Amino acid sequence: MTGVDQPSGDQTLETVGVYPSITEASIVRGQLDQAGIRSWLQEELTSSQLFQVGTALGGVTLQVASGDLQRVHELFAEHNTNGTSQSPPWTCPRCGNDVDGGFEICWSCQASRSDG
């Protein structure tokens, strides 16, 4: 990882999750950023440029400094999420598409889950 900003000192990068898309990894990364935890994405460019092959290339890896790993586990436990959906999938009341339970807005028509 030459030229990439890495944790200082003797800390290493620890993987906290592997996600099928850059979008899902970015959502979790945003949660970490809001908590003041610095994180790094691996394979984000490959994933975004070759999205059609999905996880065949291994997905997008989200990593944090080893010193932050415990805080990340606490944050995930507090929010009861590790980037995967904890709510059941739902059917959009407006367009009828199936939507992953982790989303409150339909990806197709932008209707809210509560619009029904």
PDB file of N, CA and C in Angstrom:
ATOM      1  N   MET A   1       0.827  -1.177   0.000  1.00  0.00           N
ATOM      2  CA  MET A   1       0.000   0.000   0.000  1.00  0.00           C
ATOM      3  C   MET A   1       0.877   1.247   0.000  1.00  0.00           C
ATOM      4  N   THR A   2       1.773   1.302  -0.902  1.00  0.00           N
ATOM      5  CA  THR A   2       2.677   2.432  -0.997  1.00  0.00           C
ATOM      6  C   THR A   2       1.928   3.690  -1.377  1.00  0.00           C
ATOM      7  N   GLY A   3       2.241   4.784  -0.699  1.00  0.00           N
ATOM      8  CA  GLY A   3       1.621   6.062  -1.013  1.00  0.00           C
ATOM      9  C   GLY A   3       0.258   6.266  -0.386  1.00  0.00           C
ATOM     10  N   VAL A   4      -0.201   5.300   0.382  1.00  0.00           N
ATOM     11  CA  VAL A   4      -1.510   5.403   1.013  1.00  0.00           C
ATOM     12  C   VAL A   4      -1.321   5.831   2.467  1.00  0.00           C
ATOM     13  N   ASP A   5      -2.106   6.784   2.910  1.00  0.00           N
ATOM     14  CA  ASP A   5      -2.065   7.243   4.291  1.00  0.00           C
ATOM     15  C   ASP A   5      -2.459   6.086   5.202  1.00  0.00           C
ATOM     16  N   GLN A   6      -1.565   5.712   6.127  1.00  0.00           N
ATOM     17  CA  GLN A   6      -1.809   4.597   7.021  1.00  0.00           C
ATOM     18  C   GLN A   6      -1.708   5.045   8.464  1.00  0.00           C
ATOM     19  N   PRO A   7      -2.147   4.190   9.395  1.00  0.00           N
ATOM     20  CA  PRO A   7      -2.037   4.541  10.805  1.00  0.00           C
ATOM     21  C   PRO A   7      -0.583   4.739  11.199  1.00  0.00           C
ATOM     22  N   SER A   8      -0.365   5.587  12.172  1.00  0.00           N
ATOM     23  CA  SER A   8       0.993   5.862  12.600  1.00  0.00           C
ATOM     24  C   SER A   8       1.435   4.850  13.655  1.00  0.00           C
ATOM     25  N   GLY A   9       2.713   4.865  13.940  1.00  0.00           N
ATOM     26  CA  GLY A   9       3.264   4.007  14.980  1.00  0.00           C
ATOM     27  C   GLY A   9       3.289   2.553  14.568  1.00  0.00           C
ATOM     28  N   ASP A  10       3.142   1.686  15.562  1.00  0.00           N
ATOM     29  CA  ASP A  10       3.222   0.252  15.299  1.00  0.00           C
ATOM     30  C   ASP A  10       1.851  -0.384  15.064  1.00  0.00           C
ATOM     31  N   GLN A  11       0.834   0.425  14.832  1.00  0.00           N
ATOM     32  CA  GLN A  11      -0.507  -0.098  14.591  1.00  0.00           C
ATOM     33  C   GLN A  11      -0.601  -0.667  13.176  1.00  0.00           C
ATOM     34  N   THR A  12      -1.405  -1.691  13.043  1.00  0.00           N
ATOM     35  CA  THR A  12      -1.660  -2.294  11.749  1.00  0.00           C
ATOM     36  C   THR A  12      -3.114  -2.059  11.382  1.00  0.00           C
ATOM     37  N   LEU A  13      -3.449  -2.339  10.146  1.00  0.00           N
ATOM     38  CA  LEU A  13      -4.837  -2.236   9.713  1.00  0.00           C
ATOM     39  C   LEU A  13      -5.545  -3.555   9.988  1.00  0.00           C
ATOM     40  N   GLU A  14      -6.735  -3.443  10.566  1.00  0.00           N
ATOM     41  CA  GLU A  14      -7.557  -4.610  10.873  1.00  0.00           C
ATOM     42  C   GLU A  14      -8.850  -4.530  10.065  1.00  0.00           C
ATOM     43  N   THR A  15      -9.245  -5.633   9.465  1.00  0.00           N
ATOM     44  CA  THR A  15     -10.476  -5.680   8.683  1.00  0.00           C
ATOM     45  C   THR A  15     -11.682  -5.765   9.599  1.00  0.00           C
ATOM     46  N   VAL A  16     -12.647  -4.871   9.372  1.00  0.00           N
ATOM     47  CA  VAL A  16     -13.888  -4.895  10.154  1.00  0.00           C
ATOM     48  C   VAL A  16     -15.070  -5.373   9.320  1.00  0.00           C
ATOM     49  N   GLY A  17     -14.895  -5.471   8.020  1.00  0.00           N
ATOM     50  CA  GLY A  17     -15.970  -5.968   7.173  1.00  0.00           C
ATOM     51  C   GLY A  17     -15.568  -6.021   5.716  1.00  0.00           C
ATOM     52  N   VAL A  18     -16.213  -6.916   4.985  1.00  0.00           N
ATOM     53  CA  VAL A  18     -16.045  -7.015   3.539  1.00  0.00           C
ATOM     54  C   VAL A  18     -17.437  -6.887   2.948  1.00  0.00           C
ATOM     55  N   TYR A  19     -17.612  -5.946   2.014  1.00  0.00           N
ATOM     56  CA  TYR A  19     -18.925  -5.604   1.494  1.00  0.00           C
ATOM     57  C   TYR A  19     -18.984  -5.842  -0.005  1.00  0.00           C
ATOM     58  N   PRO A  20     -20.151  -6.224  -0.510  1.00  0.00           N
ATOM     59  CA  PRO A  20     -20.278  -6.529  -1.936  1.00  0.00           C
ATOM     60  C   PRO A  20     -20.205  -5.306  -2.843  1.00  0.00           C
ATOM     61  N   SER A  21     -20.403  -4.107  -2.287  1.00  0.00           N
ATOM     62  CA  SER A  21     -20.367  -2.913  -3.139  1.00  0.00           C
ATOM     63  C   SER A  21     -19.732  -1.752  -2.393  1.00  0.00           C
ATOM     64  N   ILE A  22     -19.257  -0.794  -3.159  1.00  0.00           N
ATOM     65  CA  ILE A  22     -18.674   0.418  -2.598  1.00  0.00           C
ATOM     66  C   ILE A  22     -19.730   1.202  -1.818  1.00  0.00           C
ATOM     67  N   THR A  23     -20.965   1.130  -2.254  1.00  0.00           N
ATOM     68  CA  THR A  23     -22.048   1.848  -1.578  1.00  0.00           C
ATOM     69  C   THR A  23     -22.237   1.340  -0.151  1.00  0.00           C
ATOM     70  N   GLU A  24     -22.315   0.029   0.008  1.00  0.00           N
ATOM     71  CA  GLU A  24     -22.503  -0.537   1.341  1.00  0.00           C
ATOM     72  C   GLU A  24     -21.307  -0.249   2.246  1.00  0.00           C
ATOM     73  N   ALA A  25     -20.105  -0.373   1.697  1.00  0.00           N
ATOM     74  CA  ALA A  25     -18.902  -0.091   2.483  1.00  0.00           C
ATOM     75  C   ALA A  25     -18.861   1.379   2.891  1.00  0.00           C
ATOM     76  N   SER A  26     -19.287   2.257   2.009  1.00  0.00           N
ATOM     77  CA  SER A  26     -19.268   3.691   2.297  1.00  0.00           C
ATOM     78  C   SER A  26     -20.272   4.075   3.380  1.00  0.00           C
ATOM     79  N   ILE A  27     -21.389   3.384   3.442  1.00  0.00           N
ATOM     80  CA  ILE A  27     -22.380   3.653   4.490  1.00  0.00           C
ATOM     81  C   ILE A  27     -21.768   3.354   5.857  1.00  0.00           C
ATOM     82  N   VAL A  28     -21.130   2.210   5.982  1.00  0.00           N
ATOM     83  CA  VAL A  28     -20.513   1.851   7.258  1.00  0.00           C
ATOM     84  C   VAL A  28     -19.336   2.767   7.550  1.00  0.00           C
ATOM     85  N   ARG A  29     -18.581   3.109   6.522  1.00  0.00           N
ATOM     86  CA  ARG A  29     -17.454   4.031   6.721  1.00  0.00           C
ATOM     87  C   ARG A  29     -17.950   5.383   7.232  1.00  0.00           C
ATOM     88  N   GLY A  30     -19.088   5.832   6.737  1.00  0.00           N
ATOM     89  CA  GLY A  30     -19.681   7.075   7.203  1.00  0.00           C
ATOM     90  C   GLY A  30     -20.040   7.009   8.681  1.00  0.00           C
ATOM     91  N   GLN A  31     -20.545   5.858   9.124  1.00  0.00           N
ATOM     92  CA  GLN A  31     -20.859   5.677  10.542  1.00  0.00           C
ATOM     93  C   GLN A  31     -19.591   5.774  11.385  1.00  0.00           C
ATOM     94  N   LEU A  32     -18.518   5.180  10.885  1.00  0.00           N
ATOM     95  CA  LEU A  32     -17.244   5.251  11.610  1.00  0.00           C
ATOM     96  C   LEU A  32     -16.722   6.681  11.639  1.00  0.00           C
ATOM     97  N   ASP A  33     -16.813   7.371  10.517  1.00  0.00           N
ATOM     98  CA  ASP A  33     -16.365   8.765  10.457  1.00  0.00           C
ATOM     99  C   ASP A  33     -17.120   9.626  11.467  1.00  0.00           C
ATOM    100  N   GLN A  34     -18.437   9.440  11.559  1.00  0.00           N
ATOM    101  CA  GLN A  34     -19.248  10.206  12.506  1.00  0.00           C
ATOM    102  C   GLN A  34     -18.832   9.942  13.941  1.00  0.00           C
ATOM    103  N   ALA A  35     -18.318   8.750  14.207  1.00  0.00           N
ATOM    104  CA  ALA A  35     -17.871   8.400  15.551  1.00  0.00           C
ATOM    105  C   ALA A  35     -16.417   8.812  15.788  1.00  0.00           C
ATOM    106  N   GLY A  36     -15.800   9.438  14.775  1.00  0.00           N
ATOM    107  CA  GLY A  36     -14.416   9.882  14.926  1.00  0.00           C
ATOM    108  C   GLY A  36     -13.397   8.776  14.735  1.00  0.00           C
ATOM    109  N   ILE A  37     -13.805   7.694  14.079  1.00  0.00           N
ATOM    110  CA  ILE A  37     -12.906   6.566  13.829  1.00  0.00           C
ATOM    111  C   ILE A  37     -12.464   6.612  12.370  1.00  0.00           C
ATOM    112  N   ARG A  38     -11.183   6.733  12.187  1.00  0.00           N
ATOM    113  CA  ARG A  38     -10.623   6.795  10.838  1.00  0.00           C
ATOM    114  C   ARG A  38     -10.606   5.402  10.222  1.00  0.00           C
ATOM    115  N   SER A  39     -10.957   5.309   8.953  1.00  0.00           N
ATOM    116  CA  SER A  39     -11.014   4.003   8.297  1.00  0.00           C
ATOM    117  C   SER A  39     -10.474   4.098   6.875  1.00  0.00           C
ATOM    118  N   TRP A  40     -10.188   2.936   6.320  1.00  0.00           N
ATOM    119  CA  TRP A  40      -9.645   2.841   4.975  1.00  0.00           C
ATOM    120  C   TRP A  40     -10.421   1.798   4.207  1.00  0.00           C
ATOM    121  N   LEU A  41     -10.624   2.058   2.912  1.00  0.00           N
ATOM    122  CA  LEU A  41     -11.271   1.099   2.022  1.00  0.00           C
ATOM    123  C   LEU A  41     -10.215   0.502   1.092  1.00  0.00           C
ATOM    124  N   GLN A  42     -10.260  -0.804   0.936  1.00  0.00           N
ATOM    125  CA  GLN A  42      -9.368  -1.504   0.028  1.00  0.00           C
ATOM    126  C   GLN A  42     -10.204  -2.036  -1.128  1.00  0.00           C
ATOM    127  N   GLU A  43      -9.691  -1.942  -2.321  1.00  0.00           N
ATOM    128  CA  GLU A  43     -10.354  -2.426  -3.543  1.00  0.00           C
ATOM    129  C   GLU A  43     -11.560  -1.586  -3.931  1.00  0.00           C
ATOM    130  N   GLU A  44     -11.633  -0.335  -3.460  1.00  0.00           N
ATOM    131  CA  GLU A  44     -12.782   0.498  -3.804  1.00  0.00           C
ATOM    132  C   GLU A  44     -12.791   0.881  -5.281  1.00  0.00           C
ATOM    133  N   LEU A  45     -11.644   1.163  -5.859  1.00  0.00           N
ATOM    134  CA  LEU A  45     -11.602   1.526  -7.275  1.00  0.00           C
ATOM    135  C   LEU A  45     -11.933   0.339  -8.154  1.00  0.00           C
ATOM    136  N   THR A  46     -11.381  -0.817  -7.820  1.00  0.00           N
ATOM    137  CA  THR A  46     -11.679  -2.026  -8.590  1.00  0.00           C
ATOM    138  C   THR A  46     -13.162  -2.332  -8.532  1.00  0.00           C
ATOM    139  N   SER A  47     -13.731  -2.227  -7.349  1.00  0.00           N
ATOM    140  CA  SER A  47     -15.146  -2.521  -7.173  1.00  0.00           C
ATOM    141  C   SER A  47     -16.031  -1.553  -7.948  1.00  0.00           C
ATOM    142  N   SER A  48     -15.686  -0.280  -7.933  1.00  0.00           N
ATOM    143  CA  SER A  48     -16.528   0.697  -8.625  1.00  0.00           C
ATOM    144  C   SER A  48     -16.377   0.610 -10.131  1.00  0.00           C
ATOM    145  N   GLN A  49     -15.198   0.268 -10.611  1.00  0.00           N
ATOM    146  CA  GLN A  49     -14.986   0.200 -12.055  1.00  0.00           C
ATOM    147  C   GLN A  49     -15.425  -1.135 -12.644  1.00  0.00           C
ATOM    148  N   LEU A  50     -15.402  -2.181 -11.821  1.00  0.00           N
ATOM    149  CA  LEU A  50     -15.789  -3.507 -12.298  1.00  0.00           C
ATOM    150  C   LEU A  50     -16.984  -4.040 -11.510  1.00  0.00           C
ATOM    151  N   PHE A  51     -17.952  -3.156 -11.259  1.00  0.00           N
ATOM    152  CA  PHE A  51     -19.107  -3.510 -10.435  1.00  0.00           C
ATOM    153  C   PHE A  51     -19.873  -4.710 -10.965  1.00  0.00           C
ATOM    154  N   GLN A  52     -19.823  -4.949 -12.255  1.00  0.00           N
ATOM    155  CA  GLN A  52     -20.613  -6.015 -12.861  1.00  0.00           C
ATOM    156  C   GLN A  52     -20.166  -7.411 -12.432  1.00  0.00           C
ATOM    157  N   VAL A  53     -18.956  -7.543 -11.885  1.00  0.00           N
ATOM    158  CA  VAL A  53     -18.511  -8.858 -11.442  1.00  0.00           C
ATOM    159  C   VAL A  53     -18.784  -9.080  -9.962  1.00  0.00           C
ATOM    160  N   GLY A  54     -19.373  -8.071  -9.318  1.00  0.00           N
ATOM    161  CA  GLY A  54     -19.797  -8.213  -7.924  1.00  0.00           C
ATOM    162  C   GLY A  54     -18.684  -8.608  -6.991  1.00  0.00           C
ATOM    163  N   THR A  55     -18.967  -9.571  -6.151  1.00  0.00           N
ATOM    164  CA  THR A  55     -17.997  -9.981  -5.131  1.00  0.00           C
ATOM    165  C   THR A  55     -16.992 -11.006  -5.643  1.00  0.00           C
ATOM    166  N   ALA A  56     -17.030 -11.324  -6.933  1.00  0.00           N
ATOM    167  CA  ALA A  56     -16.092 -12.303  -7.484  1.00  0.00           C
ATOM    168  C   ALA A  56     -14.639 -11.887  -7.244  1.00  0.00           C
ATOM    169  N   LEU A  57     -14.408 -10.599  -7.147  1.00  0.00           N
ATOM    170  CA  LEU A  57     -13.058 -10.104  -6.885  1.00  0.00           C
ATOM    171  C   LEU A  57     -12.782  -9.952  -5.394  1.00  0.00           C
ATOM    172  N   GLY A  58     -13.718 -10.322  -4.562  1.00  0.00           N
ATOM    173  CA  GLY A  58     -13.505 -10.280  -3.129  1.00  0.00           C
ATOM    174  C   GLY A  58     -14.216  -9.155  -2.411  1.00  0.00           C
ATOM    175  N   GLY A  59     -14.863  -8.256  -3.114  1.00  0.00           N
ATOM    176  CA  GLY A  59     -15.605  -7.180  -2.479  1.00  0.00           C
ATOM    177  C   GLY A  59     -14.721  -6.043  -2.013  1.00  0.00           C
ATOM    178  N   VAL A  60     -15.318  -5.124  -1.271  1.00  0.00           N
ATOM    179  CA  VAL A  60     -14.630  -3.949  -0.745  1.00  0.00           C
ATOM    180  C   VAL A  60     -14.352  -4.207   0.726  1.00  0.00           C
ATOM    181  N   THR A  61     -13.096  -4.069   1.114  1.00  0.00           N
ATOM    182  CA  THR A  61     -12.687  -4.326   2.491  1.00  0.00           C
ATOM    183  C   THR A  61     -12.592  -3.014   3.254  1.00  0.00           C
ATOM    184  N   LEU A  62     -13.224  -2.969   4.413  1.00  0.00           N
ATOM    185  CA  LEU A  62     -13.169  -1.800   5.286  1.00  0.00           C
ATOM    186  C   LEU A  62     -12.237  -2.127   6.442  1.00  0.00           C
ATOM    187  N   GLN A  63     -11.248  -1.258   6.658  1.00  0.00           N
ATOM    188  CA  GLN A  63     -10.248  -1.500   7.690  1.00  0.00           C
ATOM    189  C   GLN A  63     -10.091  -0.293   8.598  1.00  0.00           C
ATOM    190  N   VAL A  64      -9.676  -0.568   9.830  1.00  0.00           N
ATOM    191  CA  VAL A  64      -9.382   0.470  10.811  1.00  0.00           C
ATOM    192  C   VAL A  64      -8.033   0.146  11.446  1.00  0.00           C
ATOM    193  N   ALA A  65      -7.457   1.136  12.118  1.00  0.00           N
ATOM    194  CA  ALA A  65      -6.223   0.910  12.855  1.00  0.00           C
ATOM    195  C   ALA A  65      -6.500  -0.064  13.993  1.00  0.00           C
ATOM    196  N   SER A  66      -5.538  -0.910  14.286  1.00  0.00           N
ATOM    197  CA  SER A  66      -5.734  -1.920  15.334  1.00  0.00           C
ATOM    198  C   SER A  66      -6.128  -1.296  16.669  1.00  0.00           C
ATOM    199  N   GLY A  67      -5.654  -0.101  16.954  1.00  0.00           N
ATOM    200  CA  GLY A  67      -6.004   0.570  18.200  1.00  0.00           C
ATOM    201  C   GLY A  67      -7.461   0.999  18.275  1.00  0.00           C
ATOM    202  N   ASP A  68      -8.144   1.065  17.143  1.00  0.00           N
ATOM    203  CA  ASP A  68      -9.553   1.471  17.101  1.00  0.00           C
ATOM    204  C   ASP A  68     -10.512   0.288  17.015  1.00  0.00           C
ATOM    205  N   LEU A  69      -9.984  -0.911  16.906  1.00  0.00           N
ATOM    206  CA  LEU A  69     -10.827  -2.079  16.668  1.00  0.00           C
ATOM    207  C   LEU A  69     -11.869  -2.288  17.771  1.00  0.00           C
ATOM    208  N   GLN A  70     -11.475  -2.133  19.023  1.00  0.00           N
ATOM    209  CA  GLN A  70     -12.419  -2.313  20.129  1.00  0.00           C
ATOM    210  C   GLN A  70     -13.546  -1.278  20.058  1.00  0.00           C
ATOM    211  N   ARG A  71     -13.209  -0.023  19.750  1.00  0.00           N
ATOM    212  CA  ARG A  71     -14.239   1.017  19.619  1.00  0.00           C
ATOM    213  C   ARG A  71     -15.217   0.686  18.498  1.00  0.00           C
ATOM    214  N   VAL A  72     -14.699   0.130  17.409  1.00  0.00           N
ATOM    215  CA  VAL A  72     -15.561  -0.245  16.285  1.00  0.00           C
ATOM    216  C   VAL A  72     -16.540  -1.333  16.719  1.00  0.00           C
ATOM    217  N   HIS A  73     -16.047  -2.343  17.425  1.00  0.00           N
ATOM    218  CA  HIS A  73     -16.934  -3.415  17.891  1.00  0.00           C
ATOM    219  C   HIS A  73     -18.000  -2.868  18.833  1.00  0.00           C
ATOM    220  N   GLU A  74     -17.630  -1.938  19.686  1.00  0.00           N
ATOM    221  CA  GLU A  74     -18.599  -1.323  20.595  1.00  0.00           C
ATOM    222  C   GLU A  74     -19.632  -0.515  19.822  1.00  0.00           C
ATOM    223  N   LEU A  75     -19.173   0.225  18.810  1.00  0.00           N
ATOM    224  CA  LEU A  75     -20.089   1.023  17.987  1.00  0.00           C
ATOM    225  C   LEU A  75     -21.078   0.118  17.258  1.00  0.00           C
ATOM    226  N   PHE A  76     -20.582  -0.968  16.669  1.00  0.00           N
ATOM    227  CA  PHE A  76     -21.459  -1.892  15.963  1.00  0.00           C
ATOM    228  C   PHE A  76     -22.466  -2.520  16.917  1.00  0.00           C
ATOM    229  N   ALA A  77     -22.021  -2.878  18.106  1.00  0.00           N
ATOM    230  CA  ALA A  77     -22.933  -3.470  19.085  1.00  0.00           C
ATOM    231  C   ALA A  77     -23.983  -2.456  19.519  1.00  0.00           C
ATOM    232  N   GLU A  78     -23.561  -1.204  19.704  1.00  0.00           N
ATOM    233  CA  GLU A  78     -24.471  -0.141  20.123  1.00  0.00           C
ATOM    234  C   GLU A  78     -25.538   0.119  19.072  1.00  0.00           C
ATOM    235  N   HIS A  79     -25.147   0.113  17.810  1.00  0.00           N
ATOM    236  CA  HIS A  79     -26.085   0.369  16.718  1.00  0.00           C
ATOM    237  C   HIS A  79     -26.676  -0.915  16.172  1.00  0.00           C
ATOM    238  N   ASN A  80     -26.259  -2.050  16.740  1.00  0.00           N
ATOM    239  CA  ASN A  80     -26.760  -3.359  16.317  1.00  0.00           C
ATOM    240  C   ASN A  80     -26.629  -3.556  14.819  1.00  0.00           C
ATOM    241  N   THR A  81     -25.469  -3.163  14.286  1.00  0.00           N
ATOM    242  CA  THR A  81     -25.236  -3.333  12.859  1.00  0.00           C
ATOM    243  C   THR A  81     -23.764  -3.514  12.588  1.00  0.00           C
ATOM    244  N   ASN A  82     -23.471  -4.280  11.571  1.00  0.00           N
ATOM    245  CA  ASN A  82     -22.101  -4.400  11.091  1.00  0.00           C
ATOM    246  C   ASN A  82     -22.076  -4.145   9.594  1.00  0.00           C
ATOM    247  N   GLY A  83     -23.050  -3.357   9.156  1.00  0.00           N
ATOM    248  CA  GLY A  83     -23.146  -3.067   7.735  1.00  0.00           C
ATOM    249  C   GLY A  83     -24.150  -3.936   7.021  1.00  0.00           C
ATOM    250  N   THR A  84     -24.672  -4.924   7.717  1.00  0.00           N
ATOM    251  CA  THR A  84     -25.678  -5.762   7.108  1.00  0.00           C
ATOM    252  C   THR A  84     -27.041  -5.391   7.665  1.00  0.00           C
ATOM    253  N   SER A  85     -28.034  -5.715   6.926  1.00  0.00           N
ATOM    254  CA  SER A  85     -29.391  -5.353   7.319  1.00  0.00           C
ATOM    255  C   SER A  85     -29.857  -6.168   8.513  1.00  0.00           C
ATOM    256  N   GLN A  86     -30.420  -5.511   9.525  1.00  0.00           N
ATOM    257  CA  GLN A  86     -30.992  -6.182  10.681  1.00  0.00           C
ATOM    258  C   GLN A  86     -32.513  -6.208  10.570  1.00  0.00           C
ATOM    259  N   SER A  87     -33.087  -5.387   9.703  1.00  0.00           N
ATOM    260  CA  SER A  87     -34.529  -5.351   9.510  1.00  0.00           C
ATOM    261  C   SER A  87     -34.883  -6.266   8.344  1.00  0.00           C
ATOM    262  N   PRO A  88     -36.087  -6.798   8.362  1.00  0.00           N
ATOM    263  CA  PRO A  88     -36.482  -7.661   7.243  1.00  0.00           C
ATOM    264  C   PRO A  88     -36.683  -6.838   5.966  1.00  0.00           C
ATOM    265  N   PRO A  89     -36.502  -7.462   4.818  1.00  0.00           N
ATOM    266  CA  PRO A  89     -36.778  -6.758   3.557  1.00  0.00           C
ATOM    267  C   PRO A  89     -38.241  -6.333   3.524  1.00  0.00           C
ATOM    268  N   TRP A  90     -38.533  -5.316   2.721  1.00  0.00           N
ATOM    269  CA  TRP A  90     -39.901  -4.825   2.621  1.00  0.00           C
ATOM    270  C   TRP A  90     -40.241  -4.565   1.159  1.00  0.00           C
ATOM    271  N   THR A  91     -41.522  -4.493   0.882  1.00  0.00           N
ATOM    272  CA  THR A  91     -41.997  -4.229  -0.471  1.00  0.00           C
ATOM    273  C   THR A  91     -42.454  -2.781  -0.542  1.00  0.00           C
ATOM    274  N   CYS A  92     -41.962  -2.064  -1.532  1.00  0.00           N
ATOM    275  CA  CYS A  92     -42.304  -0.656  -1.685  1.00  0.00           C
ATOM    276  C   CYS A  92     -43.797  -0.495  -1.928  1.00  0.00           C
ATOM    277  N   PRO A  93     -44.456   0.355  -1.152  1.00  0.00           N
ATOM    278  CA  PRO A  93     -45.899   0.543  -1.324  1.00  0.00           C
ATOM    279  C   PRO A  93     -46.252   1.271  -2.617  1.00  0.00           C
ATOM    280  N   ARG A  94     -45.289   1.988  -3.204  1.00  0.00           N
ATOM    281  CA  ARG A  94     -45.575   2.754  -4.415  1.00  0.00           C
ATOM    282  C   ARG A  94     -45.331   1.943  -5.682  1.00  0.00           C
ATOM    283  N   CYS A  95     -44.139   1.306  -5.787  1.00  0.00           N
ATOM    284  CA  CYS A  95     -43.801   0.635  -7.049  1.00  0.00           C
ATOM    285  C   CYS A  95     -43.763  -0.884  -6.954  1.00  0.00           C
ATOM    286  N   GLY A  96     -43.813  -1.432  -5.725  1.00  0.00           N
ATOM    287  CA  GLY A  96     -43.850  -2.878  -5.564  1.00  0.00           C
ATOM    288  C   GLY A  96     -42.502  -3.579  -5.576  1.00  0.00           C
ATOM    289  N   ASN A  97     -41.400  -2.838  -5.681  1.00  0.00           N
ATOM    290  CA  ASN A  97     -40.077  -3.456  -5.672  1.00  0.00           C
ATOM    291  C   ASN A  97     -39.718  -3.954  -4.288  1.00  0.00           C
ATOM    292  N   ASP A  98     -38.937  -5.035  -4.241  1.00  0.00           N
ATOM    293  CA  ASP A  98     -38.413  -5.528  -2.972  1.00  0.00           C
ATOM    294  C   ASP A  98     -37.211  -4.682  -2.597  1.00  0.00           C
ATOM    295  N   VAL A  99     -37.157  -4.242  -1.329  1.00  0.00           N
ATOM    296  CA  VAL A  99     -36.097  -3.357  -0.847  1.00  0.00           C
ATOM    297  C   VAL A  99     -35.430  -4.011   0.361  1.00  0.00           C
ATOM    298  N   ASP A 100     -34.111  -3.978   0.408  1.00  0.00           N
ATOM    299  CA  ASP A 100     -33.365  -4.514   1.538  1.00  0.00           C
ATOM    300  C   ASP A 100     -33.788  -3.811   2.819  1.00  0.00           C
ATOM    301  N   GLY A 101     -33.883  -4.548   3.902  1.00  0.00           N
ATOM    302  CA  GLY A 101     -34.337  -4.006   5.174  1.00  0.00           C
ATOM    303  C   GLY A 101     -33.463  -2.909   5.752  1.00  0.00           C
ATOM    304  N   GLY A 102     -32.228  -2.781   5.277  1.00  0.00           N
ATOM    305  CA  GLY A 102     -31.335  -1.745   5.770  1.00  0.00           C
ATOM    306  C   GLY A 102     -31.629  -0.369   5.201  1.00  0.00           C
ATOM    307  N   PHE A 103     -32.548  -0.297   4.263  1.00  0.00           N
ATOM    308  CA  PHE A 103     -32.869   0.975   3.617  1.00  0.00           C
ATOM    309  C   PHE A 103     -34.279   1.413   3.983  1.00  0.00           C
ATOM    310  N   GLU A 104     -34.441   2.701   4.218  1.00  0.00           N
ATOM    311  CA  GLU A 104     -35.745   3.269   4.542  1.00  0.00           C
ATOM    312  C   GLU A 104     -36.407   3.881   3.311  1.00  0.00           C
ATOM    313  N   ILE A 105     -35.639   4.012   2.222  1.00  0.00           N
ATOM    314  CA  ILE A 105     -36.127   4.621   0.983  1.00  0.00           C
ATOM    315  C   ILE A 105     -35.989   3.603  -0.148  1.00  0.00           C
ATOM    316  N   CYS A 106     -36.993   3.483  -0.975  1.00  0.00           N
ATOM    317  CA  CYS A 106     -36.950   2.581  -2.124  1.00  0.00           C
ATOM    318  C   CYS A 106     -35.894   3.052  -3.112  1.00  0.00           C
ATOM    319  N   TRP A 107     -35.054   2.136  -3.582  1.00  0.00           N
ATOM    320  CA  TRP A 107     -33.990   2.487  -4.521  1.00  0.00           C
ATOM    321  C   TRP A 107     -34.558   2.862  -5.880  1.00  0.00           C
ATOM    322  N   SER A 108     -35.740   2.394  -6.205  1.00  0.00           N
ATOM    323  CA  SER A 108     -36.311   2.610  -7.527  1.00  0.00           C
ATOM    324  C   SER A 108     -37.093   3.914  -7.648  1.00  0.00           C
ATOM    325  N   CYS A 109     -37.986   4.168  -6.678  1.00  0.00           N
ATOM    326  CA  CYS A 109     -38.870   5.337  -6.821  1.00  0.00           C
ATOM    327  C   CYS A 109     -38.715   6.354  -5.684  1.00  0.00           C
ATOM    328  N   GLN A 110     -37.828   6.093  -4.744  1.00  0.00           N
ATOM    329  CA  GLN A 110     -37.531   6.971  -3.615  1.00  0.00           C
ATOM    330  C   GLN A 110     -38.716   7.157  -2.647  1.00  0.00           C
ATOM    331  N   ALA A 111     -39.641   6.219  -2.677  1.00  0.00           N
ATOM    332  CA  ALA A 111     -40.732   6.261  -1.694  1.00  0.00           C
ATOM    333  C   ALA A 111     -40.188   5.797  -0.356  1.00  0.00           C
ATOM    334  N   SER A 112     -40.709   6.319   0.708  1.00  0.00           N
ATOM    335  CA  SER A 112     -40.307   5.953   2.045  1.00  0.00           C
ATOM    336  C   SER A 112     -41.019   4.667   2.458  1.00  0.00           C
ATOM    337  N   ARG A 113     -40.353   3.894   3.305  1.00  0.00           N
ATOM    338  CA  ARG A 113     -40.959   2.676   3.847  1.00  0.00           C
ATOM    339  C   ARG A 113     -42.283   3.009   4.528  1.00  0.00           C
ATOM    340  N   SER A 114     -42.342   4.155   5.172  1.00  0.00           N
ATOM    341  CA  SER A 114     -43.541   4.540   5.920  1.00  0.00           C
ATOM    342  C   SER A 114     -44.644   5.145   5.038  1.00  0.00           C
ATOM    343  N   ASP A 115     -44.419   5.293   3.741  1.00  0.00           N
ATOM    344  CA  ASP A 115     -45.440   5.830   2.855  1.00  0.00           C
ATOM    345  C   ASP A 115     -46.653   4.924   2.728  1.00  0.00           C
ATOM    346  N   GLY A 116     -46.481   3.657   3.093  1.00  0.00           N
ATOM    347  CA  GLY A 116     -47.570   2.692   2.959  1.00  0.00           C
ATOM    348  C   GLY A 116     -48.549   2.862   4.033  1.00  0.00           C
TER     349      GLY A 116
END
